[in-house]
Amino acid sequence: MLKAMAEDFILNDHNKEEFPPAHTAEHLLNQVMVRMFGCERSRNAHIERKKSKISWIIDHKPDRKEEKEIERRMNELIEEDLPVTFEFVSRAEFEGLILDASPSSPDAQLTLDRLPEDASETIRLVRIGDFDVCPCIGKHVRSTSQIGRFEILGTNWDNEKMSFRIRYKIV
């Protein structure tokens, strides 16, 4: 792993100004959905200070009990006060992380397919404890206890696309 300060690396330009608590919650929520439903991380997220929405392709419409479990698990992770850390890796080191990961490790889910074509040679990984890891250049909180309370505002199911959307806010 490359050990240095963020200022030592040239990463892609970033044109968003995230609300760090909601953005960090997005990382947690993606991993909760991956673990509960065996799906991929979302490819459709709109994260804002007042209300966020994010969708996944999954194999069934979650029932009310599953929706409550998502919310419960999110708040449990937030209360665990997991550290949010960053590391910088080269593309070659990134590939090594994937190859060396155990199948149950979040590292096994790492992929570069969502990075822009002109992504830098250096990749910043965001880790949330041992629960999640994801390439990301956005702003995050230092630990999950800084997120606040996660509340599901509503959900939508598109049966044709098998798409499940959660609308949530951070209080």
C-alpha atoms as a PDB file:
ATOM      1  CA  MET A   1       0.000   0.000   0.000  1.00  0.00           C
ATOM      2  CA  LEU A   2       1.116   3.513  -0.642  1.00  0.00           C
ATOM      3  CA  LYS A   3       1.490   5.433   2.595  1.00  0.00           C
ATOM      4  CA  ALA A   4       1.329   9.180   2.127  1.00  0.00           C
ATOM      5  CA  MET A   5      -0.909  12.167   2.566  1.00  0.00           C
ATOM      6  CA  ALA A   6      -3.746  12.772   0.121  1.00  0.00           C
ATOM      7  CA  GLU A   7      -2.004  15.929  -1.080  1.00  0.00           C
ATOM      8  CA  ASP A   8       0.876  13.789  -2.400  1.00  0.00           C
ATOM      9  CA  PHE A   9      -1.338  12.148  -5.038  1.00  0.00           C
ATOM     10  CA  ILE A  10      -3.013  13.454  -8.135  1.00  0.00           C
ATOM     11  CA  LEU A  11      -6.460  11.932  -8.315  1.00  0.00           C
ATOM     12  CA  ASN A  12      -9.333  12.554 -10.708  1.00  0.00           C
ATOM     13  CA  ASP A  13     -11.130  15.883 -10.579  1.00  0.00           C
ATOM     14  CA  HIS A  14     -14.235  15.678  -8.446  1.00  0.00           C
ATOM     15  CA  ASN A  15     -17.135  17.988  -9.236  1.00  0.00           C
ATOM     16  CA  LYS A  16     -19.418  17.059  -6.331  1.00  0.00           C
ATOM     17  CA  GLU A  17     -19.653  18.548  -2.864  1.00  0.00           C
ATOM     18  CA  GLU A  18     -21.029  15.626  -0.862  1.00  0.00           C
ATOM     19  CA  PHE A  19     -22.692  15.839   2.517  1.00  0.00           C
ATOM     20  CA  PRO A  20     -20.205  13.523   4.280  1.00  0.00           C
ATOM     21  CA  PRO A  21     -22.700  11.805   6.655  1.00  0.00           C
ATOM     22  CA  ALA A  22     -25.095  10.875   3.832  1.00  0.00           C
ATOM     23  CA  HIS A  23     -22.253   9.892   1.509  1.00  0.00           C
ATOM     24  CA  THR A  24     -20.675   7.623   4.134  1.00  0.00           C
ATOM     25  CA  ALA A  25     -24.128   6.130   4.837  1.00  0.00           C
ATOM     26  CA  GLU A  26     -24.356   5.351   1.105  1.00  0.00           C
ATOM     27  CA  HIS A  27     -21.236   3.172   1.433  1.00  0.00           C
ATOM     28  CA  LEU A  28     -22.717   1.330   4.443  1.00  0.00           C
ATOM     29  CA  LEU A  29     -26.106   0.904   2.774  1.00  0.00           C
ATOM     30  CA  ASN A  30     -24.524  -0.554  -0.348  1.00  0.00           C
ATOM     31  CA  GLN A  31     -22.701  -3.162   1.709  1.00  0.00           C
ATOM     32  CA  VAL A  32     -25.830  -3.944   3.766  1.00  0.00           C
ATOM     33  CA  MET A  33     -27.729  -4.587   0.524  1.00  0.00           C
ATOM     34  CA  VAL A  34     -24.901  -6.695  -0.932  1.00  0.00           C
ATOM     35  CA  ARG A  35     -24.878  -8.869   2.196  1.00  0.00           C
ATOM     36  CA  MET A  36     -28.646  -9.130   2.628  1.00  0.00           C
ATOM     37  CA  PHE A  37     -29.648  -9.639  -1.008  1.00  0.00           C
ATOM     38  CA  GLY A  38     -26.494 -10.842  -2.778  1.00  0.00           C
ATOM     39  CA  CYS A  39     -26.703  -7.972  -5.260  1.00  0.00           C
ATOM     40  CA  GLU A  40     -24.093  -5.631  -6.739  1.00  0.00           C
ATOM     41  CA  ARG A  41     -23.456  -2.184  -5.335  1.00  0.00           C
ATOM     42  CA  SER A  42     -25.875   0.390  -6.692  1.00  0.00           C
ATOM     43  CA  ARG A  43     -25.254   2.047 -10.029  1.00  0.00           C
ATOM     44  CA  ASN A  44     -27.984   4.605  -9.411  1.00  0.00           C
ATOM     45  CA  ALA A  45     -27.633   6.894  -6.400  1.00  0.00           C
ATOM     46  CA  HIS A  46     -28.576  10.494  -5.718  1.00  0.00           C
ATOM     47  CA  ILE A  47     -27.143  11.553  -2.350  1.00  0.00           C
ATOM     48  CA  GLU A  48     -28.140  14.889  -0.796  1.00  0.00           C
ATOM     49  CA  ARG A  49     -28.227  16.574   2.605  1.00  0.00           C
ATOM     50  CA  LYS A  50     -32.036  16.525   3.015  1.00  0.00           C
ATOM     51  CA  LYS A  51     -33.005  13.320   1.233  1.00  0.00           C
ATOM     52  CA  SER A  52     -31.143  10.637  -0.698  1.00  0.00           C
ATOM     53  CA  LYS A  53     -32.267   7.848  -2.983  1.00  0.00           C
ATOM     54  CA  ILE A  54     -30.459   4.781  -4.175  1.00  0.00           C
ATOM     55  CA  SER A  55     -31.527   1.735  -6.219  1.00  0.00           C
ATOM     56  CA  TRP A  56     -30.373  -1.873  -6.610  1.00  0.00           C
ATOM     57  CA  ILE A  57     -31.257  -4.722  -8.918  1.00  0.00           C
ATOM     58  CA  ILE A  58     -32.341  -7.615  -6.675  1.00  0.00           C
ATOM     59  CA  ASP A  59     -34.231 -10.878  -7.104  1.00  0.00           C
ATOM     60  CA  HIS A  60     -37.409 -10.011  -5.168  1.00  0.00           C
ATOM     61  CA  LYS A  61     -39.394  -7.164  -3.675  1.00  0.00           C
ATOM     62  CA  PRO A  62     -38.332  -6.849  -0.029  1.00  0.00           C
ATOM     63  CA  ASP A  63     -41.165  -7.181   2.445  1.00  0.00           C
ATOM     64  CA  ARG A  64     -41.745  -4.790   5.349  1.00  0.00           C
ATOM     65  CA  LYS A  65     -39.744  -7.018   7.708  1.00  0.00           C
ATOM     66  CA  GLU A  66     -36.706  -6.870   5.379  1.00  0.00           C
ATOM     67  CA  GLU A  67     -37.040  -3.088   5.058  1.00  0.00           C
ATOM     68  CA  LYS A  68     -37.062  -2.751   8.857  1.00  0.00           C
ATOM     69  CA  GLU A  69     -34.000  -5.025   9.041  1.00  0.00           C
ATOM     70  CA  ILE A  70     -32.119  -2.777   6.585  1.00  0.00           C
ATOM     71  CA  GLU A  71     -32.868   0.252   8.780  1.00  0.00           C
ATOM     72  CA  ARG A  72     -31.991  -1.627  11.987  1.00  0.00           C
ATOM     73  CA  ARG A  73     -28.702  -2.899  10.569  1.00  0.00           C
ATOM     74  CA  MET A  74     -27.740   0.555   9.300  1.00  0.00           C
ATOM     75  CA  ASN A  75     -28.295   2.145  12.706  1.00  0.00           C
ATOM     76  CA  GLU A  76     -26.436  -0.705  14.407  1.00  0.00           C
ATOM     77  CA  LEU A  77     -23.406  -0.098  12.143  1.00  0.00           C
ATOM     78  CA  ILE A  78     -23.573   3.631  12.777  1.00  0.00           C
ATOM     79  CA  GLU A  79     -23.629   3.058  16.549  1.00  0.00           C
ATOM     80  CA  GLU A  80     -20.627   0.698  16.297  1.00  0.00           C
ATOM     81  CA  ASP A  81     -18.511   3.808  15.638  1.00  0.00           C
ATOM     82  CA  LEU A  82     -16.518   2.096  12.892  1.00  0.00           C
ATOM     83  CA  PRO A  83     -13.455   4.057  11.726  1.00  0.00           C
ATOM     84  CA  VAL A  84     -13.530   5.470   8.191  1.00  0.00           C
ATOM     85  CA  THR A  85     -10.019   5.290   6.759  1.00  0.00           C
ATOM     86  CA  PHE A  86      -8.342   5.855   3.412  1.00  0.00           C
ATOM     87  CA  GLU A  87      -5.494   4.177   1.641  1.00  0.00           C
ATOM     88  CA  PHE A  88      -3.907   4.844  -1.698  1.00  0.00           C
ATOM     89  CA  VAL A  89      -3.012   1.967  -3.989  1.00  0.00           C
ATOM     90  CA  SER A  90      -1.684   1.624  -7.501  1.00  0.00           C
ATOM     91  CA  ARG A  91      -3.768  -0.253 -10.057  1.00  0.00           C
ATOM     92  CA  ALA A  92      -1.413  -3.246  -9.710  1.00  0.00           C
ATOM     93  CA  GLU A  93      -1.809  -3.264  -5.907  1.00  0.00           C
ATOM     94  CA  PHE A  94      -5.571  -2.952  -6.368  1.00  0.00           C
ATOM     95  CA  GLU A  95      -5.627  -6.088  -8.530  1.00  0.00           C
ATOM     96  CA  GLY A  96      -3.550  -7.875  -5.847  1.00  0.00           C
ATOM     97  CA  LEU A  97      -6.082  -6.958  -3.154  1.00  0.00           C
ATOM     98  CA  ILE A  98      -8.829  -8.618  -5.174  1.00  0.00           C
ATOM     99  CA  LEU A  99      -6.802 -11.763  -5.857  1.00  0.00           C
ATOM    100  CA  ASP A 100      -5.720 -12.116  -2.209  1.00  0.00           C
ATOM    101  CA  ALA A 101      -9.186 -11.515  -0.721  1.00  0.00           C
ATOM    102  CA  SER A 102     -11.220 -14.280   0.831  1.00  0.00           C
ATOM    103  CA  PRO A 103     -14.640 -14.693  -0.837  1.00  0.00           C
ATOM    104  CA  SER A 104     -16.452 -13.307   2.233  1.00  0.00           C
ATOM    105  CA  SER A 105     -14.240 -10.206   2.448  1.00  0.00           C
ATOM    106  CA  PRO A 106     -15.482  -6.847   1.108  1.00  0.00           C
ATOM    107  CA  ASP A 107     -12.148  -6.709  -0.789  1.00  0.00           C
ATOM    108  CA  ALA A 108     -13.405  -9.593  -2.953  1.00  0.00           C
ATOM    109  CA  GLN A 109     -16.119  -7.247  -4.272  1.00  0.00           C
ATOM    110  CA  LEU A 110     -13.672  -4.560  -5.405  1.00  0.00           C
ATOM    111  CA  THR A 111     -13.827  -3.641  -9.061  1.00  0.00           C
ATOM    112  CA  LEU A 112     -12.527  -0.882 -11.293  1.00  0.00           C
ATOM    113  CA  ASP A 113     -15.416  -1.101 -13.763  1.00  0.00           C
ATOM    114  CA  ARG A 114     -17.139   1.968 -12.318  1.00  0.00           C
ATOM    115  CA  LEU A 115     -14.148   4.261 -12.532  1.00  0.00           C
ATOM    116  CA  PRO A 116     -13.964   6.757 -15.399  1.00  0.00           C
ATOM    117  CA  GLU A 117     -11.828   5.710 -18.359  1.00  0.00           C
ATOM    118  CA  ASP A 118      -9.312   8.447 -17.531  1.00  0.00           C
ATOM    119  CA  ALA A 119      -9.021   7.437 -13.856  1.00  0.00           C
ATOM    120  CA  SER A 120      -5.641   8.108 -12.295  1.00  0.00           C
ATOM    121  CA  GLU A 121      -3.031   5.386 -11.750  1.00  0.00           C
ATOM    122  CA  THR A 122      -3.466   5.899  -7.997  1.00  0.00           C
ATOM    123  CA  ILE A 123      -6.763   4.801  -6.473  1.00  0.00           C
ATOM    124  CA  ARG A 124      -8.097   5.936  -3.113  1.00  0.00           C
ATOM    125  CA  LEU A 125      -9.858   3.182  -1.191  1.00  0.00           C
ATOM    126  CA  VAL A 126     -12.302   4.126   1.534  1.00  0.00           C
ATOM    127  CA  ARG A 127     -12.620   1.514   4.289  1.00  0.00           C
ATOM    128  CA  ILE A 128     -15.328   1.480   6.926  1.00  0.00           C
ATOM    129  CA  GLY A 129     -13.944  -0.760   9.643  1.00  0.00           C
ATOM    130  CA  ASP A 130     -13.817  -4.308   8.322  1.00  0.00           C
ATOM    131  CA  PHE A 131     -17.332  -3.928   6.938  1.00  0.00           C
ATOM    132  CA  ASP A 132     -16.857  -2.136   3.606  1.00  0.00           C
ATOM    133  CA  VAL A 133     -14.205  -1.007   1.144  1.00  0.00           C
ATOM    134  CA  CYS A 134     -14.784   0.942  -2.056  1.00  0.00           C
ATOM    135  CA  PRO A 135     -12.790   3.127  -4.452  1.00  0.00           C
ATOM    136  CA  CYS A 136     -13.999   6.691  -3.858  1.00  0.00           C
ATOM    137  CA  ILE A 137     -12.667  10.243  -3.961  1.00  0.00           C
ATOM    138  CA  GLY A 138     -15.605  11.834  -2.120  1.00  0.00           C
ATOM    139  CA  LYS A 139     -15.846  13.328   1.366  1.00  0.00           C
ATOM    140  CA  HIS A 140     -16.625  11.108   4.353  1.00  0.00           C
ATOM    141  CA  VAL A 141     -16.985  11.328   8.129  1.00  0.00           C
ATOM    142  CA  ARG A 142     -14.123  10.055  10.334  1.00  0.00           C
ATOM    143  CA  SER A 143     -16.243   7.383  12.032  1.00  0.00           C
ATOM    144  CA  THR A 144     -19.741   6.021  11.601  1.00  0.00           C
ATOM    145  CA  SER A 145     -21.008   7.554  14.853  1.00  0.00           C
ATOM    146  CA  GLN A 146     -20.734  10.953  13.114  1.00  0.00           C
ATOM    147  CA  ILE A 147     -23.374   9.933  10.561  1.00  0.00           C
ATOM    148  CA  GLY A 148     -26.436  10.369  12.770  1.00  0.00           C
ATOM    149  CA  ARG A 149     -29.586   8.248  12.638  1.00  0.00           C
ATOM    150  CA  PHE A 150     -30.570   6.561   9.369  1.00  0.00           C
ATOM    151  CA  GLU A 151     -34.278   6.690   8.497  1.00  0.00           C
ATOM    152  CA  ILE A 152     -35.972   5.070   5.529  1.00  0.00           C
ATOM    153  CA  LEU A 153     -38.494   7.552   4.135  1.00  0.00           C
ATOM    154  CA  GLY A 154     -39.976   5.135   1.634  1.00  0.00           C
ATOM    155  CA  THR A 155     -39.271   2.472  -0.951  1.00  0.00           C
ATOM    156  CA  ASN A 156     -40.299   1.684  -4.512  1.00  0.00           C
ATOM    157  CA  TRP A 157     -40.262  -1.581  -6.416  1.00  0.00           C
ATOM    158  CA  ASP A 158     -40.145  -1.822 -10.217  1.00  0.00           C
ATOM    159  CA  ASN A 159     -41.176  -5.397 -11.004  1.00  0.00           C
ATOM    160  CA  GLU A 160     -40.211  -5.143 -14.679  1.00  0.00           C
ATOM    161  CA  LYS A 161     -36.646  -3.983 -13.945  1.00  0.00           C
ATOM    162  CA  MET A 162     -36.402  -5.871 -10.628  1.00  0.00           C
ATOM    163  CA  SER A 163     -35.243  -2.568  -9.153  1.00  0.00           C
ATOM    164  CA  PHE A 164     -35.617  -1.668  -5.485  1.00  0.00           C
ATOM    165  CA  ARG A 165     -35.198   1.988  -4.488  1.00  0.00           C
ATOM    166  CA  ILE A 166     -34.745   3.301  -0.965  1.00  0.00           C
ATOM    167  CA  ARG A 167     -35.325   6.956  -0.104  1.00  0.00           C
ATOM    168  CA  TYR A 168     -33.619   7.887   3.155  1.00  0.00           C
ATOM    169  CA  LYS A 169     -32.460  10.758   5.286  1.00  0.00           C
ATOM    170  CA  ILE A 170     -29.839  11.229   7.933  1.00  0.00           C
ATOM    171  CA  VAL A 171     -31.084  12.839  11.142  1.00  0.00           C
END
